[in-house]
Amino acid sequence: MNAKMRQGTEELRLSDIADIRLGHPFRGTVKQYDNGDVNVVQVRDTEPTGEINQYTMVETVLNTKKQPDWLQNGDVLFVAKGAKHYSVLVEQVLERTVCSPHFFVVRLKPEFKDVIVPDFLCWQLNQQPAQRYFKATAEGSMYLSIRRQVLENVPIKVLKLEKQKQLAAMHRCGVREQKVLQKLIENRQQQLEAIAIHALESVG
């Protein structure tokens, strides 16, 4: 690792620091099986905040002889197809989990695992500089997509580890605060609706 990178001033391409591959090659809709032994992350299971909802994932069966490349903790999934192109972080992954081909799987190269934090990488891909880059390079009219080469070439800023961890922690805190505020808003709305029903339907 050169001196510039150690000082946290290096800017690289994503392909310099990570291996990138497409999600599992499902054909058509992912089918739910009661006796499924494989968990599947689909776009509907993710949030632009960088989170994966494991409770909504489909359990299926893979009809393939080749051993899938199971997801690992620290992988970053990039939504390559659709109206929004964002990244989510794989954490506390269930055993035998894959993702749909709507994602690219971004996995840090071994030599960079002590240089960049997965949380920070995921966060950076969701920020305005990267998002402007994706918006300018997206292809298609109604159903936009990001090609692998485009994702490989997105510029990545490598900051000092302490700064990376600080930014990632601030993001997590912000997401928690948003959830609390959203819950308060929903609760207040329910209260107002209940008051309105009582006031308008009461007699006299």
N, C-alpha and C. Protein backbone atom coordinates (compact mmCIF):
# COMPACT_ATOMS: atom_id res chain seq x y z
N MET A 1 0.85 -1.18 0.00
CA MET A 1 0.00 0.00 0.00
C MET A 1 0.88 1.23 0.00
N ASN A 2 0.61 2.19 -0.92
CA ASN A 2 1.50 3.33 -1.01
C ASN A 2 1.23 4.35 0.08
N ALA A 3 2.14 5.36 0.17
CA ALA A 3 2.06 6.33 1.26
C ALA A 3 0.80 7.17 1.18
N LYS A 4 0.38 7.54 -0.05
CA LYS A 4 -0.82 8.37 -0.20
C LYS A 4 -2.04 7.67 0.38
N MET A 5 -2.16 6.39 0.11
CA MET A 5 -3.32 5.68 0.61
C MET A 5 -3.28 5.59 2.13
N ARG A 6 -2.11 5.36 2.68
CA ARG A 6 -1.99 5.29 4.13
C ARG A 6 -2.41 6.60 4.79
N GLN A 7 -2.23 7.72 4.06
CA GLN A 7 -2.60 9.02 4.59
C GLN A 7 -4.06 9.34 4.34
N GLY A 8 -4.76 8.45 3.63
CA GLY A 8 -6.17 8.65 3.38
C GLY A 8 -6.48 9.64 2.29
N THR A 9 -5.60 9.75 1.29
CA THR A 9 -5.82 10.72 0.22
C THR A 9 -5.97 10.06 -1.14
N GLU A 10 -6.11 8.75 -1.17
CA GLU A 10 -6.14 8.03 -2.44
C GLU A 10 -7.56 7.94 -3.00
N GLU A 11 -7.67 8.11 -4.31
CA GLU A 11 -8.93 7.89 -5.00
C GLU A 11 -8.72 6.80 -6.04
N LEU A 12 -9.52 5.76 -5.97
CA LEU A 12 -9.37 4.61 -6.85
C LEU A 12 -10.68 4.32 -7.55
N ARG A 13 -10.65 3.38 -8.46
CA ARG A 13 -11.88 2.86 -9.04
C ARG A 13 -12.36 1.70 -8.18
N LEU A 14 -13.64 1.44 -8.22
CA LEU A 14 -14.19 0.36 -7.41
C LEU A 14 -13.54 -0.97 -7.74
N SER A 15 -13.27 -1.21 -9.00
CA SER A 15 -12.66 -2.49 -9.41
C SER A 15 -11.24 -2.66 -8.89
N ASP A 16 -10.60 -1.56 -8.45
CA ASP A 16 -9.25 -1.66 -7.88
C ASP A 16 -9.28 -2.31 -6.50
N ILE A 17 -10.38 -2.09 -5.79
CA ILE A 17 -10.43 -2.54 -4.40
C ILE A 17 -11.39 -3.70 -4.17
N ALA A 18 -12.24 -4.01 -5.17
CA ALA A 18 -13.26 -5.02 -4.95
C ALA A 18 -13.48 -5.88 -6.19
N ASP A 19 -13.91 -7.11 -5.97
CA ASP A 19 -14.36 -7.99 -7.06
C ASP A 19 -15.86 -7.79 -7.22
N ILE A 20 -16.32 -7.77 -8.45
CA ILE A 20 -17.73 -7.47 -8.74
C ILE A 20 -18.30 -8.57 -9.61
N ARG A 21 -19.43 -9.12 -9.21
CA ARG A 21 -20.08 -10.15 -10.00
C ARG A 21 -21.59 -9.96 -9.94
N LEU A 22 -22.29 -10.55 -10.88
CA LEU A 22 -23.74 -10.47 -10.91
C LEU A 22 -24.33 -11.45 -9.90
N GLY A 23 -25.54 -11.16 -9.43
CA GLY A 23 -26.21 -12.06 -8.51
C GLY A 23 -26.53 -13.39 -9.16
N HIS A 24 -27.16 -14.28 -8.40
CA HIS A 24 -27.45 -15.63 -8.89
C HIS A 24 -28.35 -15.57 -10.13
N PRO A 25 -28.04 -16.34 -11.17
CA PRO A 25 -28.78 -16.26 -12.44
C PRO A 25 -30.15 -16.96 -12.42
N PHE A 26 -31.07 -16.44 -11.62
CA PHE A 26 -32.43 -16.99 -11.64
C PHE A 26 -33.08 -16.68 -12.98
N ARG A 27 -33.90 -17.58 -13.44
CA ARG A 27 -34.66 -17.36 -14.67
C ARG A 27 -36.12 -17.11 -14.29
N GLY A 28 -36.56 -15.89 -14.49
CA GLY A 28 -37.93 -15.55 -14.14
C GLY A 28 -38.09 -15.29 -12.66
N THR A 29 -39.32 -15.47 -12.19
CA THR A 29 -39.66 -15.20 -10.79
C THR A 29 -39.02 -16.21 -9.84
N VAL A 30 -38.54 -15.71 -8.71
CA VAL A 30 -38.00 -16.59 -7.68
C VAL A 30 -39.16 -17.24 -6.94
N LYS A 31 -39.24 -18.55 -6.97
CA LYS A 31 -40.37 -19.26 -6.39
C LYS A 31 -40.14 -19.55 -4.90
N GLN A 32 -41.23 -19.39 -4.14
CA GLN A 32 -41.21 -19.69 -2.71
C GLN A 32 -41.54 -21.17 -2.50
N TYR A 33 -40.72 -21.84 -1.67
CA TYR A 33 -40.96 -23.24 -1.33
C TYR A 33 -41.04 -23.36 0.18
N ASP A 34 -42.04 -24.12 0.64
CA ASP A 34 -42.18 -24.32 2.09
C ASP A 34 -40.97 -25.04 2.67
N ASN A 35 -40.36 -25.90 1.85
CA ASN A 35 -39.18 -26.64 2.31
C ASN A 35 -37.90 -26.07 1.70
N GLY A 36 -37.96 -24.81 1.33
CA GLY A 36 -36.78 -24.18 0.71
C GLY A 36 -35.60 -24.14 1.65
N ASP A 37 -34.41 -24.34 1.11
CA ASP A 37 -33.20 -24.34 1.92
C ASP A 37 -32.21 -23.25 1.48
N VAL A 38 -32.68 -22.34 0.63
CA VAL A 38 -31.83 -21.24 0.16
C VAL A 38 -32.59 -19.93 0.32
N ASN A 39 -31.97 -18.95 0.95
CA ASN A 39 -32.56 -17.63 1.15
C ASN A 39 -32.15 -16.71 0.00
N VAL A 40 -33.09 -15.90 -0.47
CA VAL A 40 -32.83 -15.03 -1.61
C VAL A 40 -33.12 -13.58 -1.27
N VAL A 41 -32.13 -12.71 -1.47
CA VAL A 41 -32.33 -11.27 -1.31
C VAL A 41 -32.80 -10.72 -2.65
N GLN A 42 -33.96 -10.07 -2.65
CA GLN A 42 -34.47 -9.39 -3.83
C GLN A 42 -34.56 -7.90 -3.55
N VAL A 43 -34.75 -7.12 -4.60
CA VAL A 43 -34.77 -5.66 -4.43
C VAL A 43 -35.84 -5.25 -3.42
N ARG A 44 -36.97 -5.95 -3.42
CA ARG A 44 -38.06 -5.61 -2.50
C ARG A 44 -37.67 -5.82 -1.04
N ASP A 45 -36.59 -6.55 -0.78
CA ASP A 45 -36.13 -6.79 0.59
C ASP A 45 -35.12 -5.75 1.06
N THR A 46 -34.88 -4.73 0.25
CA THR A 46 -33.84 -3.75 0.56
C THR A 46 -34.41 -2.35 0.71
N GLU A 47 -33.62 -1.48 1.35
CA GLU A 47 -34.00 -0.09 1.53
C GLU A 47 -32.86 0.81 1.05
N PRO A 48 -33.19 1.98 0.46
CA PRO A 48 -32.14 2.92 0.03
C PRO A 48 -31.23 3.39 1.17
N THR A 49 -31.65 3.13 2.41
CA THR A 49 -30.82 3.48 3.57
C THR A 49 -29.63 2.54 3.72
N GLY A 50 -29.61 1.46 2.89
CA GLY A 50 -28.50 0.52 2.95
C GLY A 50 -28.79 -0.74 3.73
N GLU A 51 -30.06 -0.97 4.07
CA GLU A 51 -30.44 -2.10 4.91
C GLU A 51 -31.12 -3.21 4.12
N ILE A 52 -31.02 -4.44 4.66
CA ILE A 52 -31.71 -5.60 4.11
C ILE A 52 -32.68 -6.12 5.16
N ASN A 53 -33.92 -6.36 4.75
CA ASN A 53 -34.91 -6.94 5.66
C ASN A 53 -34.90 -8.46 5.47
N GLN A 54 -34.26 -9.17 6.38
CA GLN A 54 -34.14 -10.62 6.25
C GLN A 54 -35.47 -11.34 6.46
N TYR A 55 -36.43 -10.68 7.11
CA TYR A 55 -37.70 -11.33 7.42
C TYR A 55 -38.62 -11.43 6.21
N THR A 56 -38.34 -10.68 5.15
CA THR A 56 -39.20 -10.72 3.96
C THR A 56 -38.59 -11.57 2.84
N MET A 57 -37.42 -12.12 3.07
CA MET A 57 -36.75 -12.88 2.02
C MET A 57 -37.47 -14.18 1.70
N VAL A 58 -37.42 -14.55 0.43
CA VAL A 58 -38.02 -15.80 -0.03
C VAL A 58 -37.08 -16.96 0.26
N GLU A 59 -37.64 -18.10 0.61
CA GLU A 59 -36.88 -19.35 0.73
C GLU A 59 -37.19 -20.20 -0.48
N THR A 60 -36.17 -20.63 -1.19
CA THR A 60 -36.38 -21.37 -2.43
C THR A 60 -35.46 -22.57 -2.51
N VAL A 61 -35.51 -23.23 -3.66
CA VAL A 61 -34.65 -24.39 -3.93
C VAL A 61 -33.91 -24.12 -5.23
N LEU A 62 -32.61 -24.37 -5.23
CA LEU A 62 -31.81 -24.15 -6.44
C LEU A 62 -31.62 -25.46 -7.18
N ASN A 63 -32.00 -25.46 -8.44
CA ASN A 63 -31.82 -26.65 -9.27
C ASN A 63 -30.54 -26.51 -10.08
N THR A 64 -29.44 -26.58 -9.38
CA THR A 64 -28.14 -26.45 -10.04
C THR A 64 -27.12 -27.35 -9.35
N LYS A 65 -26.24 -27.91 -10.13
CA LYS A 65 -25.20 -28.78 -9.57
C LYS A 65 -24.01 -27.96 -9.06
N LYS A 66 -23.83 -26.79 -9.66
CA LYS A 66 -22.70 -25.95 -9.27
C LYS A 66 -22.99 -25.26 -7.93
N GLN A 67 -22.01 -25.28 -7.05
CA GLN A 67 -22.14 -24.64 -5.74
C GLN A 67 -22.24 -23.13 -5.93
N PRO A 68 -23.31 -22.50 -5.45
CA PRO A 68 -23.44 -21.04 -5.59
C PRO A 68 -22.37 -20.31 -4.78
N ASP A 69 -22.12 -19.09 -5.16
CA ASP A 69 -21.21 -18.24 -4.39
C ASP A 69 -22.06 -17.54 -3.33
N TRP A 70 -22.14 -18.16 -2.15
CA TRP A 70 -23.00 -17.64 -1.10
C TRP A 70 -22.57 -16.24 -0.67
N LEU A 71 -23.54 -15.43 -0.27
CA LEU A 71 -23.22 -14.10 0.24
C LEU A 71 -22.46 -14.21 1.56
N GLN A 72 -21.59 -13.23 1.78
CA GLN A 72 -20.79 -13.19 3.00
C GLN A 72 -21.03 -11.86 3.71
N ASN A 73 -20.86 -11.87 5.03
CA ASN A 73 -20.93 -10.61 5.78
C ASN A 73 -19.87 -9.66 5.25
N GLY A 74 -20.27 -8.42 5.02
CA GLY A 74 -19.36 -7.44 4.48
C GLY A 74 -19.51 -7.23 2.98
N ASP A 75 -20.26 -8.12 2.30
CA ASP A 75 -20.56 -7.90 0.90
C ASP A 75 -21.46 -6.67 0.76
N VAL A 76 -21.32 -5.98 -0.36
CA VAL A 76 -22.19 -4.85 -0.67
C VAL A 76 -22.99 -5.21 -1.92
N LEU A 77 -24.31 -5.11 -1.85
CA LEU A 77 -25.16 -5.41 -2.99
C LEU A 77 -25.59 -4.11 -3.64
N PHE A 78 -25.33 -3.99 -4.93
CA PHE A 78 -25.67 -2.78 -5.68
C PHE A 78 -26.86 -3.07 -6.59
N VAL A 79 -27.93 -2.30 -6.44
CA VAL A 79 -29.12 -2.46 -7.27
C VAL A 79 -28.81 -1.89 -8.66
N ALA A 80 -28.65 -2.78 -9.64
CA ALA A 80 -28.21 -2.36 -10.97
C ALA A 80 -29.36 -2.11 -11.93
N LYS A 81 -30.56 -2.60 -11.59
CA LYS A 81 -31.69 -2.46 -12.50
C LYS A 81 -32.87 -1.86 -11.76
N GLY A 82 -33.52 -0.89 -12.42
CA GLY A 82 -34.68 -0.27 -11.80
C GLY A 82 -34.58 1.24 -11.81
N ALA A 83 -35.52 1.88 -11.12
CA ALA A 83 -35.58 3.34 -11.09
C ALA A 83 -34.51 3.95 -10.19
N LYS A 84 -34.10 3.20 -9.16
CA LYS A 84 -33.09 3.70 -8.22
C LYS A 84 -31.91 2.74 -8.19
N HIS A 85 -30.73 3.32 -8.12
CA HIS A 85 -29.50 2.52 -8.06
C HIS A 85 -28.78 2.83 -6.75
N TYR A 86 -28.92 1.94 -5.79
CA TYR A 86 -28.33 2.15 -4.48
C TYR A 86 -27.70 0.87 -3.98
N SER A 87 -27.00 0.97 -2.86
CA SER A 87 -26.27 -0.17 -2.31
C SER A 87 -26.79 -0.51 -0.92
N VAL A 88 -26.71 -1.80 -0.59
CA VAL A 88 -27.08 -2.26 0.76
C VAL A 88 -25.95 -3.14 1.29
N LEU A 89 -25.83 -3.18 2.59
CA LEU A 89 -24.76 -3.94 3.23
C LEU A 89 -25.27 -5.27 3.73
N VAL A 90 -24.53 -6.33 3.47
CA VAL A 90 -24.88 -7.66 3.97
C VAL A 90 -24.29 -7.80 5.37
N GLU A 91 -25.18 -7.96 6.36
CA GLU A 91 -24.76 -8.12 7.75
C GLU A 91 -25.53 -9.28 8.37
N GLN A 92 -24.88 -10.01 9.25
CA GLN A 92 -25.52 -11.14 9.93
C GLN A 92 -26.29 -12.00 8.94
N VAL A 93 -25.63 -12.31 7.84
CA VAL A 93 -26.27 -13.04 6.75
C VAL A 93 -26.67 -14.44 7.19
N LEU A 94 -27.85 -14.88 6.74
CA LEU A 94 -28.29 -16.24 7.00
C LEU A 94 -27.46 -17.20 6.16
N GLU A 95 -27.31 -18.42 6.65
CA GLU A 95 -26.57 -19.42 5.88
C GLU A 95 -27.28 -19.70 4.56
N ARG A 96 -26.51 -20.02 3.55
CA ARG A 96 -27.05 -20.38 2.24
C ARG A 96 -27.96 -19.28 1.69
N THR A 97 -27.37 -18.09 1.53
CA THR A 97 -28.12 -16.95 0.99
C THR A 97 -27.47 -16.46 -0.29
N VAL A 98 -28.30 -16.20 -1.29
CA VAL A 98 -27.85 -15.61 -2.55
C VAL A 98 -28.72 -14.38 -2.81
N CYS A 99 -28.38 -13.64 -3.87
CA CYS A 99 -29.22 -12.50 -4.26
C CYS A 99 -29.64 -12.66 -5.71
N SER A 100 -30.67 -11.95 -6.10
CA SER A 100 -31.19 -12.03 -7.46
C SER A 100 -30.24 -11.33 -8.43
N PRO A 101 -30.39 -11.57 -9.75
CA PRO A 101 -29.51 -10.94 -10.74
C PRO A 101 -29.79 -9.46 -10.95
N HIS A 102 -30.69 -8.88 -10.19
CA HIS A 102 -30.90 -7.43 -10.24
C HIS A 102 -29.77 -6.70 -9.50
N PHE A 103 -28.95 -7.47 -8.78
CA PHE A 103 -27.85 -6.89 -8.02
C PHE A 103 -26.50 -7.25 -8.64
N PHE A 104 -25.53 -6.39 -8.37
CA PHE A 104 -24.12 -6.76 -8.47
C PHE A 104 -23.63 -6.98 -7.05
N VAL A 105 -22.86 -8.05 -6.85
CA VAL A 105 -22.25 -8.31 -5.55
C VAL A 105 -20.84 -7.71 -5.55
N VAL A 106 -20.60 -6.80 -4.63
CA VAL A 106 -19.30 -6.14 -4.51
C VAL A 106 -18.60 -6.70 -3.27
N ARG A 107 -17.47 -7.35 -3.48
CA ARG A 107 -16.75 -7.98 -2.36
C ARG A 107 -15.32 -7.44 -2.32
N LEU A 108 -14.95 -6.87 -1.20
CA LEU A 108 -13.61 -6.31 -1.07
C LEU A 108 -12.54 -7.37 -1.31
N LYS A 109 -11.49 -6.98 -2.03
CA LYS A 109 -10.37 -7.88 -2.23
C LYS A 109 -9.64 -8.06 -0.90
N PRO A 110 -9.07 -9.24 -0.65
CA PRO A 110 -8.43 -9.52 0.64
C PRO A 110 -7.42 -8.45 1.07
N GLU A 111 -6.65 -7.93 0.12
CA GLU A 111 -5.62 -6.96 0.48
C GLU A 111 -6.18 -5.59 0.86
N PHE A 112 -7.49 -5.39 0.66
CA PHE A 112 -8.09 -4.09 0.99
C PHE A 112 -9.04 -4.17 2.20
N LYS A 113 -9.17 -5.35 2.79
CA LYS A 113 -10.10 -5.50 3.89
C LYS A 113 -9.67 -4.74 5.15
N ASP A 114 -8.38 -4.41 5.24
CA ASP A 114 -7.92 -3.61 6.37
C ASP A 114 -7.68 -2.16 5.97
N VAL A 115 -8.17 -1.80 4.77
CA VAL A 115 -7.97 -0.45 4.25
C VAL A 115 -9.28 0.31 4.15
N ILE A 116 -10.36 -0.40 3.83
CA ILE A 116 -11.66 0.25 3.68
C ILE A 116 -12.73 -0.58 4.39
N VAL A 117 -13.62 0.10 5.07
CA VAL A 117 -14.69 -0.55 5.84
C VAL A 117 -15.91 -0.76 4.93
N PRO A 118 -16.48 -1.97 4.91
CA PRO A 118 -17.64 -2.22 4.04
C PRO A 118 -18.79 -1.23 4.26
N ASP A 119 -19.04 -0.87 5.52
CA ASP A 119 -20.12 0.09 5.83
C ASP A 119 -19.86 1.41 5.11
N PHE A 120 -18.61 1.85 5.12
CA PHE A 120 -18.24 3.11 4.50
C PHE A 120 -18.35 3.01 2.99
N LEU A 121 -17.95 1.88 2.42
CA LEU A 121 -18.05 1.69 0.97
C LEU A 121 -19.51 1.75 0.53
N CYS A 122 -20.36 1.05 1.26
CA CYS A 122 -21.80 1.06 0.96
C CYS A 122 -22.35 2.47 1.05
N TRP A 123 -21.99 3.17 2.11
CA TRP A 123 -22.45 4.55 2.32
C TRP A 123 -21.99 5.45 1.17
N GLN A 124 -20.73 5.30 0.78
CA GLN A 124 -20.17 6.17 -0.26
C GLN A 124 -20.88 5.98 -1.61
N LEU A 125 -21.23 4.74 -1.93
CA LEU A 125 -21.92 4.47 -3.18
C LEU A 125 -23.32 5.07 -3.21
N ASN A 126 -23.86 5.40 -2.04
CA ASN A 126 -25.19 5.98 -1.97
C ASN A 126 -25.18 7.51 -1.88
N GLN A 127 -23.99 8.11 -1.87
CA GLN A 127 -23.89 9.55 -1.75
C GLN A 127 -23.92 10.24 -3.12
N GLN A 128 -24.12 11.55 -3.11
CA GLN A 128 -24.35 12.31 -4.34
C GLN A 128 -23.27 12.17 -5.42
N PRO A 129 -21.96 12.20 -5.09
CA PRO A 129 -20.98 12.06 -6.16
C PRO A 129 -21.15 10.78 -6.97
N ALA A 130 -21.32 9.64 -6.28
CA ALA A 130 -21.51 8.37 -6.99
C ALA A 130 -22.87 8.33 -7.66
N GLN A 131 -23.89 8.87 -7.00
CA GLN A 131 -25.23 8.85 -7.58
C GLN A 131 -25.33 9.69 -8.84
N ARG A 132 -24.62 10.81 -8.87
CA ARG A 132 -24.58 11.63 -10.09
C ARG A 132 -23.91 10.86 -11.22
N TYR A 133 -22.86 10.14 -10.87
CA TYR A 133 -22.14 9.33 -11.86
C TYR A 133 -23.07 8.25 -12.43
N PHE A 134 -23.80 7.56 -11.57
CA PHE A 134 -24.71 6.50 -12.03
C PHE A 134 -25.84 7.08 -12.89
N LYS A 135 -26.37 8.21 -12.48
CA LYS A 135 -27.46 8.83 -13.22
C LYS A 135 -27.02 9.22 -14.62
N ALA A 136 -25.78 9.68 -14.73
CA ALA A 136 -25.26 10.12 -16.04
C ALA A 136 -24.94 8.95 -16.95
N THR A 137 -24.72 7.77 -16.37
CA THR A 137 -24.29 6.62 -17.18
C THR A 137 -25.34 5.53 -17.30
N ALA A 138 -26.51 5.71 -16.65
CA ALA A 138 -27.57 4.70 -16.72
C ALA A 138 -28.07 4.56 -18.15
N GLU A 139 -28.41 3.35 -18.53
CA GLU A 139 -28.89 3.07 -19.88
C GLU A 139 -30.33 2.59 -19.84
N GLY A 140 -31.08 2.89 -20.92
CA GLY A 140 -32.47 2.48 -21.00
C GLY A 140 -33.39 3.67 -20.89
N SER A 141 -34.65 3.48 -21.23
CA SER A 141 -35.63 4.56 -21.16
C SER A 141 -36.53 4.41 -19.94
N MET A 142 -37.33 3.33 -19.92
CA MET A 142 -38.24 3.10 -18.79
C MET A 142 -37.56 2.30 -17.68
N TYR A 143 -36.76 1.31 -18.07
CA TYR A 143 -36.15 0.38 -17.11
C TYR A 143 -34.64 0.58 -17.15
N LEU A 144 -34.15 1.45 -16.29
CA LEU A 144 -32.75 1.84 -16.32
C LEU A 144 -31.86 0.75 -15.75
N SER A 145 -30.66 0.66 -16.28
CA SER A 145 -29.71 -0.33 -15.78
C SER A 145 -28.30 0.25 -15.80
N ILE A 146 -27.48 -0.27 -14.90
CA ILE A 146 -26.07 0.11 -14.81
C ILE A 146 -25.24 -1.09 -15.24
N ARG A 147 -24.39 -0.90 -16.24
CA ARG A 147 -23.54 -2.00 -16.70
C ARG A 147 -22.42 -2.24 -15.69
N ARG A 148 -21.90 -3.46 -15.74
CA ARG A 148 -20.83 -3.83 -14.81
C ARG A 148 -19.62 -2.92 -14.98
N GLN A 149 -19.25 -2.60 -16.21
CA GLN A 149 -18.09 -1.76 -16.44
C GLN A 149 -18.27 -0.37 -15.83
N VAL A 150 -19.49 0.12 -15.88
CA VAL A 150 -19.79 1.43 -15.29
C VAL A 150 -19.58 1.38 -13.78
N LEU A 151 -20.09 0.33 -13.15
CA LEU A 151 -19.90 0.18 -11.70
C LEU A 151 -18.43 0.01 -11.36
N GLU A 152 -17.72 -0.75 -12.15
CA GLU A 152 -16.29 -0.97 -11.90
C GLU A 152 -15.51 0.35 -11.91
N ASN A 153 -15.95 1.30 -12.72
CA ASN A 153 -15.20 2.54 -12.91
C ASN A 153 -15.63 3.68 -11.99
N VAL A 154 -16.61 3.44 -11.11
CA VAL A 154 -17.03 4.52 -10.22
C VAL A 154 -15.87 4.89 -9.30
N PRO A 155 -15.57 6.19 -9.17
CA PRO A 155 -14.46 6.61 -8.29
C PRO A 155 -14.80 6.38 -6.82
N ILE A 156 -13.82 5.87 -6.09
CA ILE A 156 -13.99 5.61 -4.66
C ILE A 156 -12.88 6.34 -3.89
N LYS A 157 -13.29 7.11 -2.93
CA LYS A 157 -12.34 7.84 -2.09
C LYS A 157 -12.00 6.99 -0.87
N VAL A 158 -10.73 6.75 -0.64
CA VAL A 158 -10.29 5.96 0.51
C VAL A 158 -9.79 6.92 1.59
N LEU A 159 -10.58 7.09 2.63
CA LEU A 159 -10.21 7.96 3.74
C LEU A 159 -9.52 7.16 4.83
N LYS A 160 -9.03 7.85 5.83
CA LYS A 160 -8.46 7.17 6.98
C LYS A 160 -9.53 6.31 7.65
N LEU A 161 -9.11 5.18 8.20
CA LEU A 161 -10.05 4.24 8.79
C LEU A 161 -10.90 4.90 9.88
N GLU A 162 -10.30 5.74 10.68
CA GLU A 162 -11.04 6.39 11.75
C GLU A 162 -12.17 7.24 11.19
N LYS A 163 -11.89 7.95 10.09
CA LYS A 163 -12.90 8.79 9.46
C LYS A 163 -13.99 7.93 8.82
N GLN A 164 -13.59 6.82 8.19
CA GLN A 164 -14.58 5.91 7.59
C GLN A 164 -15.56 5.41 8.64
N LYS A 165 -15.02 4.95 9.76
CA LYS A 165 -15.87 4.41 10.83
C LYS A 165 -16.77 5.48 11.41
N GLN A 166 -16.25 6.70 11.51
CA GLN A 166 -17.04 7.81 12.04
C GLN A 166 -18.23 8.12 11.13
N LEU A 167 -17.98 8.19 9.83
CA LEU A 167 -19.05 8.49 8.88
C LEU A 167 -20.10 7.37 8.85
N ALA A 168 -19.62 6.12 8.91
CA ALA A 168 -20.54 4.98 8.91
C ALA A 168 -21.42 5.00 10.16
N ALA A 169 -20.81 5.33 11.31
CA ALA A 169 -21.56 5.40 12.56
C ALA A 169 -22.59 6.53 12.53
N MET A 170 -22.23 7.67 11.96
CA MET A 170 -23.16 8.79 11.83
C MET A 170 -24.34 8.40 10.96
N HIS A 171 -24.07 7.67 9.90
CA HIS A 171 -25.15 7.22 9.01
C HIS A 171 -26.11 6.30 9.75
N ARG A 172 -25.57 5.34 10.48
CA ARG A 172 -26.42 4.41 11.23
C ARG A 172 -27.29 5.16 12.24
N CYS A 173 -26.70 6.13 12.89
CA CYS A 173 -27.43 6.92 13.87
C CYS A 173 -28.57 7.68 13.19
N GLY A 174 -28.27 8.25 12.02
CA GLY A 174 -29.29 8.99 11.28
C GLY A 174 -30.44 8.10 10.85
N VAL A 175 -30.13 6.88 10.43
CA VAL A 175 -31.18 5.94 10.02
C VAL A 175 -32.07 5.59 11.20
N ARG A 176 -31.46 5.35 12.36
CA ARG A 176 -32.25 5.04 13.56
C ARG A 176 -33.17 6.20 13.93
N GLU A 177 -32.65 7.42 13.83
CA GLU A 177 -33.45 8.60 14.16
C GLU A 177 -34.62 8.74 13.20
N GLN A 178 -34.39 8.49 11.92
CA GLN A 178 -35.46 8.56 10.94
C GLN A 178 -36.57 7.57 11.25
N LYS A 179 -36.18 6.36 11.66
CA LYS A 179 -37.18 5.34 11.98
C LYS A 179 -38.02 5.75 13.19
N VAL A 180 -37.36 6.31 14.20
CA VAL A 180 -38.08 6.76 15.40
C VAL A 180 -39.05 7.87 15.03
N LEU A 181 -38.59 8.85 14.25
CA LEU A 181 -39.46 9.95 13.86
C LEU A 181 -40.62 9.46 13.00
N GLN A 182 -40.35 8.54 12.09
CA GLN A 182 -41.42 8.01 11.24
C GLN A 182 -42.47 7.29 12.07
N LYS A 183 -42.01 6.57 13.09
CA LYS A 183 -42.95 5.86 13.97
C LYS A 183 -43.81 6.85 14.75
N LEU A 184 -43.19 7.93 15.21
CA LEU A 184 -43.94 8.96 15.93
C LEU A 184 -44.99 9.61 15.04
N ILE A 185 -44.60 9.86 13.78
CA ILE A 185 -45.54 10.46 12.82
C ILE A 185 -46.72 9.52 12.57
N GLU A 186 -46.43 8.24 12.39
CA GLU A 186 -47.50 7.26 12.15
C GLU A 186 -48.42 7.15 13.36
N ASN A 187 -47.83 7.14 14.56
CA ASN A 187 -48.65 7.05 15.77
C ASN A 187 -49.56 8.28 15.92
N ARG A 188 -49.02 9.46 15.65
CA ARG A 188 -49.82 10.67 15.75
C ARG A 188 -50.94 10.68 14.71
N GLN A 189 -50.64 10.20 13.52
CA GLN A 189 -51.66 10.14 12.47
C GLN A 189 -52.80 9.20 12.87
N GLN A 190 -52.44 8.08 13.48
CA GLN A 190 -53.46 7.14 13.95
C GLN A 190 -54.32 7.77 15.05
N GLN A 191 -53.68 8.53 15.94
CA GLN A 191 -54.42 9.21 17.00
C GLN A 191 -55.41 10.21 16.42
N LEU A 192 -54.95 10.99 15.45
CA LEU A 192 -55.81 12.00 14.82
C LEU A 192 -56.98 11.36 14.09
N GLU A 193 -56.71 10.23 13.42
CA GLU A 193 -57.78 9.53 12.71
C GLU A 193 -58.82 8.99 13.70
N ALA A 194 -58.34 8.47 14.82
CA ALA A 194 -59.26 7.96 15.84
C ALA A 194 -60.11 9.08 16.42
N ILE A 195 -59.50 10.22 16.67
CA ILE A 195 -60.23 11.39 17.20
C ILE A 195 -61.27 11.85 16.19
N ALA A 196 -60.89 11.88 14.91
CA ALA A 196 -61.82 12.32 13.86
C ALA A 196 -63.02 11.39 13.77
N ILE A 197 -62.77 10.10 13.81
CA ILE A 197 -63.86 9.12 13.72
C ILE A 197 -64.80 9.28 14.91
N HIS A 198 -64.23 9.44 16.10
CA HIS A 198 -65.05 9.59 17.30
C HIS A 198 -65.88 10.87 17.24
N ALA A 199 -65.26 11.96 16.77
CA ALA A 199 -65.96 13.24 16.72
C ALA A 199 -67.05 13.26 15.66
N LEU A 200 -66.81 12.66 14.53
CA LEU A 200 -67.75 12.72 13.42
C LEU A 200 -68.85 11.69 13.49
N GLU A 201 -68.59 10.58 14.20
CA GLU A 201 -69.58 9.53 14.26
C GLU A 201 -70.39 9.54 15.56
N SER A 202 -69.95 10.34 16.52
CA SER A 202 -70.68 10.39 17.79
C SER A 202 -72.02 11.09 17.60
N VAL A 203 -72.97 10.71 18.39
CA VAL A 203 -74.31 11.28 18.30
C VAL A 203 -74.44 12.46 19.25
N GLY A 204 -75.02 13.55 18.73
CA GLY A 204 -75.33 14.69 19.56
C GLY A 204 -74.21 15.65 19.74
